[in-house]
Amino acid sequence: MHELSITRNIVAIASEAAQGRRVRRVTLEVGKLSGVVPDALAFVFDVAAEGTALEGASLDIRAIEGRARCSDCGAEFPTATLFDACACGSRRTVQLAGEELNVKSIETEEAA
């Protein structure tokens, strides 16, 4: 399960950004075509956060739909896979969205 190592990295990124403050919430953007399973991230989050500034924090995961642009006709269209063809029939596409895995924001407590 690579989601555990991904979640540990998310915890490390958020901990560093929090600069010693307690973290209340972490918001992630996870593309539906990223190969990352959001439920698995959520499942291991509490374990990965244990003993860190994120212990007890909530995890908000926002799914990003796939979107591509056709290199032949220029049309933009939603994609359910990385291999979807354009309505014109071309498979020469550029993926615009759906592969993201971003720490969008962290909410911290005020410093004492």
C-alpha atoms as a PDB file:
ATOM      1  CA  MET A   1       0.000   0.000   0.000  1.00  0.00           C
ATOM      2  CA  HIS A   2       1.870   3.081  -1.215  1.00  0.00           C
ATOM      3  CA  GLU A   3      -0.785   5.325   0.364  1.00  0.00           C
ATOM      4  CA  LEU A   4       0.894   4.911   3.770  1.00  0.00           C
ATOM      5  CA  SER A   5       4.186   6.349   2.505  1.00  0.00           C
ATOM      6  CA  ILE A   6       2.295   9.103   0.646  1.00  0.00           C
ATOM      7  CA  THR A   7       0.382   9.954   3.827  1.00  0.00           C
ATOM      8  CA  ARG A   8       3.603  10.060   5.837  1.00  0.00           C
ATOM      9  CA  ASN A   9       4.979  12.564   3.316  1.00  0.00           C
ATOM     10  CA  ILE A  10       1.790  14.643   3.562  1.00  0.00           C
ATOM     11  CA  VAL A  11       2.148  14.682   7.363  1.00  0.00           C
ATOM     12  CA  ALA A  12       5.798  15.764   7.034  1.00  0.00           C
ATOM     13  CA  ILE A  13       4.916  18.567   4.575  1.00  0.00           C
ATOM     14  CA  ALA A  14       2.080  19.852   6.765  1.00  0.00           C
ATOM     15  CA  SER A  15       4.155  19.593   9.954  1.00  0.00           C
ATOM     16  CA  GLU A  16       6.934  21.654   8.415  1.00  0.00           C
ATOM     17  CA  ALA A  17       4.496  24.275   7.134  1.00  0.00           C
ATOM     18  CA  ALA A  18       2.813  24.500  10.555  1.00  0.00           C
ATOM     19  CA  GLN A  19       6.104  25.674  12.110  1.00  0.00           C
ATOM     20  CA  GLY A  20       5.425  24.132  15.512  1.00  0.00           C
ATOM     21  CA  ARG A  21       1.705  24.974  15.672  1.00  0.00           C
ATOM     22  CA  ARG A  22      -0.953  22.329  16.080  1.00  0.00           C
ATOM     23  CA  VAL A  23      -2.734  21.420  12.837  1.00  0.00           C
ATOM     24  CA  ARG A  24      -6.531  21.192  12.885  1.00  0.00           C
ATOM     25  CA  ARG A  25      -7.255  20.305   9.272  1.00  0.00           C
ATOM     26  CA  VAL A  26      -5.396  19.294   6.135  1.00  0.00           C
ATOM     27  CA  THR A  27      -7.072  19.723   2.754  1.00  0.00           C
ATOM     28  CA  LEU A  28      -5.837  17.605  -0.147  1.00  0.00           C
ATOM     29  CA  GLU A  29      -6.615  17.638  -3.841  1.00  0.00           C
ATOM     30  CA  VAL A  30      -6.492  14.117  -5.251  1.00  0.00           C
ATOM     31  CA  GLY A  31      -6.996  13.583  -8.973  1.00  0.00           C
ATOM     32  CA  LYS A  32      -9.235  10.700  -9.920  1.00  0.00           C
ATOM     33  CA  LEU A  33      -6.554   9.618 -12.422  1.00  0.00           C
ATOM     34  CA  SER A  34      -3.625   9.918  -9.984  1.00  0.00           C
ATOM     35  CA  GLY A  35      -3.559   6.258  -8.988  1.00  0.00           C
ATOM     36  CA  VAL A  36      -3.989   7.245  -5.338  1.00  0.00           C
ATOM     37  CA  VAL A  37      -6.944   5.807  -3.417  1.00  0.00           C
ATOM     38  CA  PRO A  38      -8.502   8.582  -1.276  1.00  0.00           C
ATOM     39  CA  ASP A  39     -10.155   6.116   1.111  1.00  0.00           C
ATOM     40  CA  ALA A  40      -6.773   4.502   1.771  1.00  0.00           C
ATOM     41  CA  LEU A  41      -5.228   7.914   2.538  1.00  0.00           C
ATOM     42  CA  ALA A  42      -8.035   8.637   4.982  1.00  0.00           C
ATOM     43  CA  PHE A  43      -7.692   5.177   6.546  1.00  0.00           C
ATOM     44  CA  VAL A  44      -3.980   5.580   7.387  1.00  0.00           C
ATOM     45  CA  PHE A  45      -3.998   9.324   8.163  1.00  0.00           C
ATOM     46  CA  ASP A  46      -4.527   8.963  11.931  1.00  0.00           C
ATOM     47  CA  VAL A  47      -1.728   6.396  12.197  1.00  0.00           C
ATOM     48  CA  ALA A  48       0.701   8.540  10.182  1.00  0.00           C
ATOM     49  CA  ALA A  49      -0.217  11.667  12.196  1.00  0.00           C
ATOM     50  CA  GLU A  50       0.223  10.026  15.601  1.00  0.00           C
ATOM     51  CA  GLY A  51       2.821  11.844  17.706  1.00  0.00           C
ATOM     52  CA  THR A  52       3.053  14.802  15.288  1.00  0.00           C
ATOM     53  CA  ALA A  53       1.537  18.288  15.105  1.00  0.00           C
ATOM     54  CA  LEU A  54      -1.234  16.689  13.025  1.00  0.00           C
ATOM     55  CA  GLU A  55      -2.405  14.255  15.700  1.00  0.00           C
ATOM     56  CA  GLY A  56      -6.176  14.666  15.977  1.00  0.00           C
ATOM     57  CA  ALA A  57      -6.407  16.768  12.800  1.00  0.00           C
ATOM     58  CA  SER A  58      -9.124  16.144  10.252  1.00  0.00           C
ATOM     59  CA  LEU A  59      -8.403  15.281   6.637  1.00  0.00           C
ATOM     60  CA  ASP A  60     -10.479  16.867   3.877  1.00  0.00           C
ATOM     61  CA  ILE A  61      -9.994  15.178   0.498  1.00  0.00           C
ATOM     62  CA  ARG A  62     -11.291  16.907  -2.622  1.00  0.00           C
ATOM     63  CA  ALA A  63     -11.543  14.803  -5.759  1.00  0.00           C
ATOM     64  CA  ILE A  64     -10.393  16.388  -9.027  1.00  0.00           C
ATOM     65  CA  GLU A  65     -12.077  15.116 -12.186  1.00  0.00           C
ATOM     66  CA  GLY A  66     -10.033  14.183 -15.240  1.00  0.00           C
ATOM     67  CA  ARG A  67      -9.881  16.741 -18.055  1.00  0.00           C
ATOM     68  CA  ALA A  68      -7.915  16.734 -21.332  1.00  0.00           C
ATOM     69  CA  ARG A  69      -7.338  18.828 -24.461  1.00  0.00           C
ATOM     70  CA  CYS A  70      -7.213  17.340 -27.928  1.00  0.00           C
ATOM     71  CA  SER A  71      -3.983  18.129 -29.775  1.00  0.00           C
ATOM     72  CA  ASP A  72      -5.748  17.801 -33.138  1.00  0.00           C
ATOM     73  CA  CYS A  73      -8.956  19.845 -32.763  1.00  0.00           C
ATOM     74  CA  GLY A  74      -8.241  21.782 -29.549  1.00  0.00           C
ATOM     75  CA  ALA A  75     -11.394  20.646 -27.758  1.00  0.00           C
ATOM     76  CA  GLU A  76     -11.332  20.246 -23.979  1.00  0.00           C
ATOM     77  CA  PHE A  77     -13.282  17.325 -22.551  1.00  0.00           C
ATOM     78  CA  PRO A  78     -13.760  15.284 -19.357  1.00  0.00           C
ATOM     79  CA  THR A  79     -11.834  12.027 -19.095  1.00  0.00           C
ATOM     80  CA  ALA A  80     -12.530   8.946 -17.023  1.00  0.00           C
ATOM     81  CA  THR A  81      -9.159   7.374 -17.898  1.00  0.00           C
ATOM     82  CA  LEU A  82      -5.788   8.571 -19.151  1.00  0.00           C
ATOM     83  CA  PHE A  83      -6.528   6.943 -22.509  1.00  0.00           C
ATOM     84  CA  ASP A  84      -9.896   8.469 -23.445  1.00  0.00           C
ATOM     85  CA  ALA A  85     -10.215   9.671 -27.029  1.00  0.00           C
ATOM     86  CA  CYS A  86     -11.591  13.042 -28.060  1.00  0.00           C
ATOM     87  CA  ALA A  87     -15.039  13.210 -29.663  1.00  0.00           C
ATOM     88  CA  CYS A  88     -13.222  13.828 -32.984  1.00  0.00           C
ATOM     89  CA  GLY A  89     -11.644  10.370 -32.617  1.00  0.00           C
ATOM     90  CA  SER A  90      -8.101  11.531 -31.882  1.00  0.00           C
ATOM     91  CA  ARG A  91      -6.126   9.983 -29.055  1.00  0.00           C
ATOM     92  CA  ARG A  92      -3.498  12.723 -29.236  1.00  0.00           C
ATOM     93  CA  THR A  93      -4.448  14.476 -26.031  1.00  0.00           C
ATOM     94  CA  VAL A  94      -2.829  16.455 -23.248  1.00  0.00           C
ATOM     95  CA  GLN A  95      -4.051  15.756 -19.728  1.00  0.00           C
ATOM     96  CA  LEU A  96      -5.074  19.022 -18.036  1.00  0.00           C
ATOM     97  CA  ALA A  97      -6.437  17.762 -14.714  1.00  0.00           C
ATOM     98  CA  GLY A  98      -7.030  14.596 -12.771  1.00  0.00           C
ATOM     99  CA  GLU A  99      -3.482  13.526 -11.917  1.00  0.00           C
ATOM    100  CA  GLU A 100      -3.033  15.925  -8.988  1.00  0.00           C
ATOM    101  CA  LEU A 101      -1.942  15.105  -5.483  1.00  0.00           C
ATOM    102  CA  ASN A 102      -1.615  18.444  -3.693  1.00  0.00           C
ATOM    103  CA  VAL A 103      -1.658  19.642  -0.124  1.00  0.00           C
ATOM    104  CA  LYS A 104      -4.077  22.480  -0.856  1.00  0.00           C
ATOM    105  CA  SER A 105      -4.184  23.999   2.634  1.00  0.00           C
ATOM    106  CA  ILE A 106      -3.574  23.419   6.307  1.00  0.00           C
ATOM    107  CA  GLU A 107      -5.506  24.989   9.161  1.00  0.00           C
ATOM    108  CA  THR A 108      -3.513  25.537  12.327  1.00  0.00           C
ATOM    109  CA  GLU A 109      -4.194  26.737  15.849  1.00  0.00           C
ATOM    110  CA  GLU A 110      -2.821  30.127  16.787  1.00  0.00           C
ATOM    111  CA  ALA A 111       0.600  30.090  18.446  1.00  0.00           C
ATOM    112  CA  ALA A 112       0.456  30.446  22.238  1.00  0.00           C
END
